[in-house]
Every structure is written in structure tokens, then in C-alpha cells.
C-alpha atoms as a PDB file:
ATOM      1  CA  MET A   1      95.157  27.969   8.193  1.00  0.00           C
ATOM      2  CA  LYS A   2      95.415  28.626   4.456  1.00  0.00           C
ATOM      3  CA  SER A   3      95.245  26.499   2.177  1.00  0.00           C
ATOM      4  CA  ALA A   4      98.297  25.835  -0.520  1.00  0.00           C
ATOM      5  CA  TRP A   5      97.423  27.805  -3.381  1.00  0.00           C
ATOM      6  CA  GLU A   6      96.654  30.802  -0.643  1.00  0.00           C
ATOM      7  CA  LEU A   7     100.192  30.187   0.800  1.00  0.00           C
ATOM      8  CA  ALA A   8     101.802  29.969  -3.521  1.00  0.00           C
ATOM      9  CA  LEU A   9     100.282  32.867  -4.008  1.00  0.00           C
ATOM     10  CA  GLU A  10     101.535  35.097  -1.265  1.00  0.00           C
ATOM     11  CA  ARG A  11     104.774  33.537  -2.094  1.00  0.00           C
ATOM     12  CA  SER A  12     104.839  34.837  -5.462  1.00  0.00           C
ATOM     13  CA  GLY A  13     102.936  37.961  -4.636  1.00  0.00           C
ATOM     14  CA  GLY A  14     100.140  36.827  -6.616  1.00  0.00           C
ATOM     15  CA  ALA A  15      96.434  37.714  -6.755  1.00  0.00           C
ATOM     16  CA  LEU A  16      95.276  36.743  -2.725  1.00  0.00           C
ATOM     17  CA  LYS A  17      96.223  40.759  -2.458  1.00  0.00           C
ATOM     18  CA  GLU A  18      92.853  41.220  -5.060  1.00  0.00           C
ATOM     19  CA  LEU A  19      90.426  39.455  -2.682  1.00  0.00           C
ATOM     20  CA  SER A  20      87.733  41.750  -1.012  1.00  0.00           C
ATOM     21  CA  PRO A  21      87.444  41.358   2.580  1.00  0.00           C
ATOM     22  CA  GLU A  22      84.088  39.775   2.030  1.00  0.00           C
ATOM     23  CA  LYS A  23      85.192  37.098   0.142  1.00  0.00           C
ATOM     24  CA  LYS A  24      88.700  36.632   2.379  1.00  0.00           C
ATOM     25  CA  GLU A  25      85.980  36.515   5.270  1.00  0.00           C
ATOM     26  CA  ARG A  26      83.836  33.854   3.423  1.00  0.00           C
ATOM     27  CA  LEU A  27      86.744  32.102   2.521  1.00  0.00           C
ATOM     28  CA  ALA A  28      87.829  31.986   6.479  1.00  0.00           C
ATOM     29  CA  GLU A  29      84.095  31.167   7.361  1.00  0.00           C
ATOM     30  CA  ILE A  30      84.676  27.865   5.003  1.00  0.00           C
ATOM     31  CA  ASP A  31      87.691  26.862   6.473  1.00  0.00           C
ATOM     32  CA  ARG A  32      86.292  27.354  10.400  1.00  0.00           C
ATOM     33  CA  ALA A  33      82.902  24.916   9.176  1.00  0.00           C
ATOM     34  CA  ALA A  34      85.360  22.136   7.241  1.00  0.00           C
ATOM     35  CA  GLN A  35      87.719  22.446  10.896  1.00  0.00           C
ATOM     36  CA  ALA A  36      84.623  21.779  13.045  1.00  0.00           C
ATOM     37  CA  LYS A  37      83.523  18.800  10.468  1.00  0.00           C
ATOM     38  CA  ILE A  38      86.771  17.597  10.912  1.00  0.00           C
ATOM     39  CA  ALA A  39      87.080  17.776  14.788  1.00  0.00           C
ATOM     40  CA  ALA A  40      83.471  16.310  15.115  1.00  0.00           C
ATOM     41  CA  ALA A  41      84.225  13.286  13.058  1.00  0.00           C
ATOM     42  CA  LYS A  42      87.578  12.840  15.223  1.00  0.00           C
ATOM     43  CA  LEU A  43      85.632  13.152  18.311  1.00  0.00           C
ATOM     44  CA  SER A  44      82.878  10.513  16.854  1.00  0.00           C
ATOM     45  CA  ALA A  45      85.630   8.204  16.230  1.00  0.00           C
ATOM     46  CA  GLU A  46      87.295   8.579  19.404  1.00  0.00           C
ATOM     47  CA  GLN A  47      83.977   7.877  20.978  1.00  0.00           C
ATOM     48  CA  LYS A  48      83.643   4.665  18.775  1.00  0.00           C
ATOM     49  CA  LEU A  49      87.323   3.221  19.505  1.00  0.00           C
ATOM     50  CA  ALA A  50      86.459   3.668  23.039  1.00  0.00           C
ATOM     51  CA  THR A  51      84.303   0.765  23.288  1.00  0.00           C
ATOM     52  CA  MET A  52      85.928  -1.141  20.119  1.00  0.00           C
ATOM     53  CA  THR A  53      88.248  -4.010  21.270  1.00  0.00           C
ATOM     54  CA  GLU A  54      89.116  -5.996  17.758  1.00  0.00           C
ATOM     55  CA  ALA A  55      91.462  -4.996  15.621  1.00  0.00           C
ATOM     56  CA  GLU A  56      89.834  -5.577  12.262  1.00  0.00           C
ATOM     57  CA  GLU A  57      86.866  -3.129  13.443  1.00  0.00           C
ATOM     58  CA  ILE A  58      89.183  -0.317  14.640  1.00  0.00           C
ATOM     59  CA  ALA A  59      91.496  -0.475  11.065  1.00  0.00           C
ATOM     60  CA  MET A  60      88.058  -0.131   9.366  1.00  0.00           C
ATOM     61  CA  LEU A  61      87.051   3.030  11.512  1.00  0.00           C
ATOM     62  CA  LYS A  62      90.435   4.659  10.846  1.00  0.00           C
ATOM     63  CA  ASP A  63      90.631   4.092   7.589  1.00  0.00           C
ATOM     64  CA  GLY A  64      86.866   5.595   7.613  1.00  0.00           C
ATOM     65  CA  LEU A  65      88.153   8.163   9.547  1.00  0.00           C
ATOM     66  CA  VAL A  66      90.902   9.614   7.193  1.00  0.00           C
ATOM     67  CA  VAL A  67      88.193   8.637   3.846  1.00  0.00           C
ATOM     68  CA  GLU A  68      86.010  11.285   6.046  1.00  0.00           C
ATOM     69  CA  ILE A  69      88.203  13.812   6.367  1.00  0.00           C
ATOM     70  CA  ARG A  70      89.967  13.806   2.811  1.00  0.00           C
ATOM     71  CA  SER A  71      86.405  14.025   1.999  1.00  0.00           C
ATOM     72  CA  ILE A  72      85.911  17.259   3.796  1.00  0.00           C
ATOM     73  CA  GLU A  73      88.809  19.045   2.782  1.00  0.00           C
ATOM     74  CA  GLU A  74      87.932  18.171  -1.160  1.00  0.00           C
ATOM     75  CA  GLU A  75      84.599  19.870  -0.405  1.00  0.00           C
ATOM     76  CA  ARG A  76      86.105  22.806   1.088  1.00  0.00           C
ATOM     77  CA  GLU A  77      88.836  22.900  -1.608  1.00  0.00           C
ATOM     78  CA  ARG A  78      85.630  23.307  -4.273  1.00  0.00           C
ATOM     79  CA  LYS A  79      83.769  25.576  -2.038  1.00  0.00           C
ATOM     80  CA  LYS A  80      86.734  27.971  -2.045  1.00  0.00           C
ATOM     81  CA  GLU A  81      87.365  28.028  -5.688  1.00  0.00           C
ATOM     82  CA  ARG A  82      83.932  28.770  -6.510  1.00  0.00           C
ATOM     83  CA  VAL A  83      84.298  31.612  -4.112  1.00  0.00           C
ATOM     84  CA  ARG A  84      87.523  32.810  -5.589  1.00  0.00           C
ATOM     85  CA  ALA A  85      85.519  32.417  -9.058  1.00  0.00           C
ATOM     86  CA  GLU A  86      83.023  35.012  -8.455  1.00  0.00           C
ATOM     87  CA  ALA A  87      83.214  38.054 -10.361  1.00  0.00           C
END
């Protein structure tokens, strides 16, 4: 899965091609790790939802999941920016 930054660079013919194969692999590994964290968070939330009955608890769990996913995605982008910025 490509980030918005990578897609924009591809469309503009930008610096994406300048990344070394090693950096591209590191970026892909960061994506894989983030996707695994997101999948684990979703699975955990689904398991908890299966036992919940109160609407307020369900809403709080879903809101928490959204926040957790957003946090994982932001962390992923910070890590990818550090890799891209390396000389």
C-alpha cells in the first residue's frame, strides 16, 4: 500500500525513483509492520465487541479503535519520513 506522498511523486515523476532498493524495502517493512498492528487492533476490538452488550461501551470501543489506528498510521508516516530523509 503506497502513501499519498508516494502516489503524488509517481504522478509527478518525482523523486520516488531516487530511492535505493534498500530504502524501498525498509519503507515496505514499515508498511507491513503497521498493517500487522492495525490487524491486531481490529481483531482485539472484534473479540471485545463479541462480549459487549451496552451501546455506550460499544461506541467507546469503536472510538478507541479509530484513535489507535490513526496513531499507528501517524507513527508509520513519521518512520517513513525518517527513512526518506536519510542521506
